[in-house]
Amino acid sequence: MGVDSTQCPDEVVLRSVLGHFPTGVVVVTGTVGEDPVGMTLQSFLSLSLDPPLVLLSVAKSSTSWPRIATSGRFLVNVLSEGQSELARRFAKSGSDKFAGVAFSTRRDLGGPLLGDVSAWVDCDLEAEHDGGDHTIVVARVLDAAIAERPEHAQAPLIFHRSGFPGLVRHSSSS
């Protein structure tokens, strides 16, 4: 049975309501020719452990994703709490997102590894599905690791209600 679109909430209301659900923030990177490409996403999650799969949701209006997808391989950089400016930089369209950003390239990874991320997931593009105004991307995990330096394995960067609030830490009482 179909949904009556006249009874659905409008986009502004839906965005506001769904914005109350906090998400983590990642930057997906790839390489096109010799050029690094990257984009910020908040729709990233574990899909399956066996086989190892992750899921991304990418806006169809993205100009970065079609470029990244052409290689069939990419790297998901999991951002740390102090990296909100990096998230904002890679969310913008049309600029040199990598200018002044610390990153390294490794032949064994699907894209540039950004500096000071808390973890990374190396992926092969498995499938793309229609998801309304987004593309649902299923990717096979080839490799994954936490930060090389334990001090960078910080709390995650959280997106909630159009901003980046820090996590509230509660002390344990005895």
Protein backbone atom coordinates (compact mmCIF):
# COMPACT_ATOMS: atom_id res chain seq x y z
CA MET A 1 0.00 0.00 0.00
CA GLY A 2 1.41 3.42 -0.97
CA VAL A 3 1.96 6.37 1.32
CA ASP A 4 -0.29 9.39 0.91
CA SER A 5 2.26 12.18 0.39
CA THR A 6 -0.32 14.82 1.34
CA GLN A 7 -0.13 13.56 4.94
CA CYS A 8 3.68 13.49 5.20
CA PRO A 9 5.44 16.25 7.13
CA ASP A 10 7.07 18.93 5.02
CA GLU A 11 10.84 18.94 4.54
CA VAL A 12 11.51 21.65 7.14
CA VAL A 13 9.55 19.82 9.85
CA LEU A 14 11.12 16.47 8.94
CA ARG A 15 14.65 17.91 8.98
CA SER A 16 13.99 19.45 12.42
CA VAL A 17 12.55 16.26 13.87
CA LEU A 18 15.27 13.98 12.47
CA GLY A 19 17.90 16.48 13.63
CA HIS A 20 17.10 15.41 17.18
CA PHE A 21 18.80 12.09 16.49
CA PRO A 22 22.57 12.51 16.97
CA THR A 23 24.93 10.92 14.46
CA GLY A 24 28.65 10.48 14.10
CA VAL A 25 30.54 12.38 11.41
CA VAL A 26 32.93 10.97 8.81
CA VAL A 27 34.85 12.29 5.84
CA VAL A 28 34.87 9.90 2.89
CA THR A 29 37.96 10.30 0.71
CA GLY A 30 39.04 8.88 -2.61
CA THR A 31 41.55 9.53 -5.33
CA VAL A 32 40.65 10.41 -8.90
CA GLY A 33 43.76 10.20 -11.05
CA GLU A 34 46.24 11.96 -8.78
CA ASP A 35 43.67 14.26 -7.19
CA PRO A 36 42.29 13.72 -3.68
CA VAL A 37 38.51 14.04 -3.33
CA GLY A 38 36.53 14.18 -0.09
CA MET A 39 33.12 14.80 1.42
CA THR A 40 31.52 14.94 4.86
CA LEU A 41 28.77 12.49 5.75
CA GLN A 42 26.72 11.92 8.85
CA SER A 43 24.94 8.86 7.47
CA PHE A 44 27.42 6.05 8.01
CA LEU A 45 26.85 2.80 9.88
CA SER A 46 27.87 -0.81 10.26
CA LEU A 47 25.64 -3.04 8.15
CA SER A 48 27.11 -6.53 8.60
CA LEU A 49 30.04 -8.22 10.30
CA ASP A 50 29.89 -11.34 8.12
CA PRO A 51 30.49 -10.34 5.40
CA PRO A 52 31.99 -7.06 6.62
CA LEU A 53 29.78 -4.33 5.14
CA VAL A 54 29.09 -0.67 5.91
CA LEU A 55 26.37 1.63 4.63
CA LEU A 56 26.56 5.28 3.56
CA SER A 57 23.81 7.62 2.49
CA VAL A 58 24.94 10.22 -0.05
CA ALA A 59 22.89 13.15 -1.36
CA LYS A 60 22.20 12.81 -5.07
CA SER A 61 23.22 16.46 -5.38
CA SER A 62 26.78 15.58 -4.30
CA THR A 63 29.45 16.41 -6.86
CA SER A 64 32.14 14.56 -4.87
CA TRP A 65 30.51 11.14 -4.63
CA PRO A 66 30.30 10.43 -8.38
CA ARG A 67 34.02 11.19 -8.62
CA ILE A 68 34.88 8.95 -5.65
CA ALA A 69 32.61 6.15 -6.90
CA THR A 70 34.38 5.97 -10.28
CA SER A 71 37.37 4.28 -8.67
CA GLY A 72 35.19 1.81 -6.74
CA ARG A 73 37.35 2.30 -3.65
CA PHE A 74 37.35 4.84 -0.82
CA LEU A 75 38.37 5.50 2.78
CA VAL A 76 36.02 6.48 5.59
CA ASN A 77 37.80 8.78 8.07
CA VAL A 78 36.00 8.77 11.45
CA LEU A 79 36.29 12.28 12.88
CA SER A 80 37.16 13.06 16.49
CA GLU A 81 35.45 15.53 18.77
CA GLY A 82 37.85 18.37 17.96
CA GLN A 83 37.48 18.13 14.17
CA SER A 84 34.29 20.13 13.53
CA GLU A 85 36.14 22.61 11.28
CA LEU A 86 37.37 19.71 9.16
CA ALA A 87 33.78 18.44 8.88
CA ARG A 88 32.61 21.89 7.77
CA ARG A 89 35.45 22.20 5.23
CA PHE A 90 34.64 18.88 3.54
CA ALA A 91 30.90 19.64 3.58
CA LYS A 92 31.43 22.62 1.26
CA SER A 93 31.20 22.21 -2.47
CA GLY A 94 33.61 23.53 -5.07
CA SER A 95 36.66 24.43 -2.98
CA ASP A 96 40.08 22.83 -2.61
CA LYS A 97 39.09 20.92 0.49
CA PHE A 98 42.56 19.48 1.06
CA ALA A 99 44.43 22.84 1.04
CA GLY A 100 46.21 23.15 4.38
CA VAL A 101 44.81 19.85 5.68
CA ALA A 102 47.17 17.25 7.11
CA PHE A 103 46.73 13.95 5.25
CA SER A 104 48.75 11.05 3.95
CA THR A 105 48.34 8.76 1.00
CA ARG A 106 49.08 5.06 1.18
CA ARG A 107 48.94 2.71 -1.78
CA ASP A 108 47.09 0.14 0.31
CA LEU A 109 44.20 2.50 1.18
CA GLY A 110 41.32 3.63 -1.02
CA GLY A 111 41.76 7.34 -0.30
CA PRO A 112 43.68 9.94 1.66
CA LEU A 113 44.01 9.31 5.39
CA LEU A 114 43.26 12.55 7.23
CA GLY A 115 45.44 13.56 10.18
CA ASP A 116 44.27 12.96 13.74
CA VAL A 117 41.12 10.98 12.87
CA SER A 118 40.06 8.55 15.58
CA ALA A 119 39.65 5.61 13.18
CA TRP A 120 39.41 4.68 9.51
CA VAL A 121 37.64 2.10 7.36
CA ASP A 122 38.96 1.14 3.91
CA CYS A 123 36.16 0.15 1.51
CA ASP A 124 35.29 -1.27 -1.89
CA LEU A 125 32.03 -0.12 -3.43
CA GLU A 126 29.67 -3.11 -3.38
CA ALA A 127 26.30 -1.67 -4.49
CA GLU A 128 24.28 1.52 -4.87
CA HIS A 129 20.52 1.75 -4.34
CA ASP A 130 17.96 4.47 -4.87
CA GLY A 131 16.99 6.21 -1.64
CA GLY A 132 14.80 9.14 -2.69
CA ASP A 133 17.01 12.23 -2.81
CA HIS A 134 19.95 10.12 -1.60
CA THR A 135 21.92 7.14 -2.88
CA ILE A 136 22.30 4.27 -0.44
CA VAL A 137 25.84 2.93 -0.77
CA VAL A 138 26.80 -0.53 0.47
CA ALA A 139 30.55 -1.05 0.77
CA ARG A 140 32.71 -4.05 1.62
CA VAL A 141 35.23 -3.41 4.40
CA LEU A 142 38.77 -4.30 3.29
CA ASP A 143 40.61 -3.04 6.36
CA ALA A 144 39.98 -0.87 9.41
CA ALA A 145 41.96 0.57 12.31
CA ILE A 146 41.74 2.91 15.25
CA ALA A 147 44.07 5.91 15.50
CA GLU A 148 47.76 5.12 15.24
CA ARG A 149 48.41 7.18 18.35
CA PRO A 150 46.08 6.28 21.24
CA GLU A 151 45.80 9.94 22.31
CA HIS A 152 43.91 10.59 19.05
CA ALA A 153 41.32 7.91 19.75
CA GLN A 154 39.13 10.57 21.33
CA ALA A 155 35.41 10.89 21.65
CA PRO A 156 33.66 10.99 18.28
CA LEU A 157 32.50 14.14 16.54
CA ILE A 158 28.72 14.25 16.95
CA PHE A 159 26.23 16.08 14.71
CA HIS A 160 23.01 17.03 16.49
CA ARG A 161 20.41 19.71 15.73
CA SER A 162 22.59 21.33 13.03
CA GLY A 163 25.66 21.63 15.25
CA PHE A 164 28.56 19.77 16.83
CA PRO A 165 27.95 19.47 20.57
CA GLY A 166 30.52 17.68 22.68
CA LEU A 167 29.65 14.54 24.55
CA VAL A 168 28.66 15.03 28.17
CA ARG A 169 30.93 12.95 30.32
CA HIS A 170 29.55 11.62 33.57
CA SER A 171 31.89 10.69 36.37
CA SER A 172 31.37 7.31 37.90
CA SER A 173 30.34 7.36 41.51
CA SER A 174 31.17 4.62 43.96
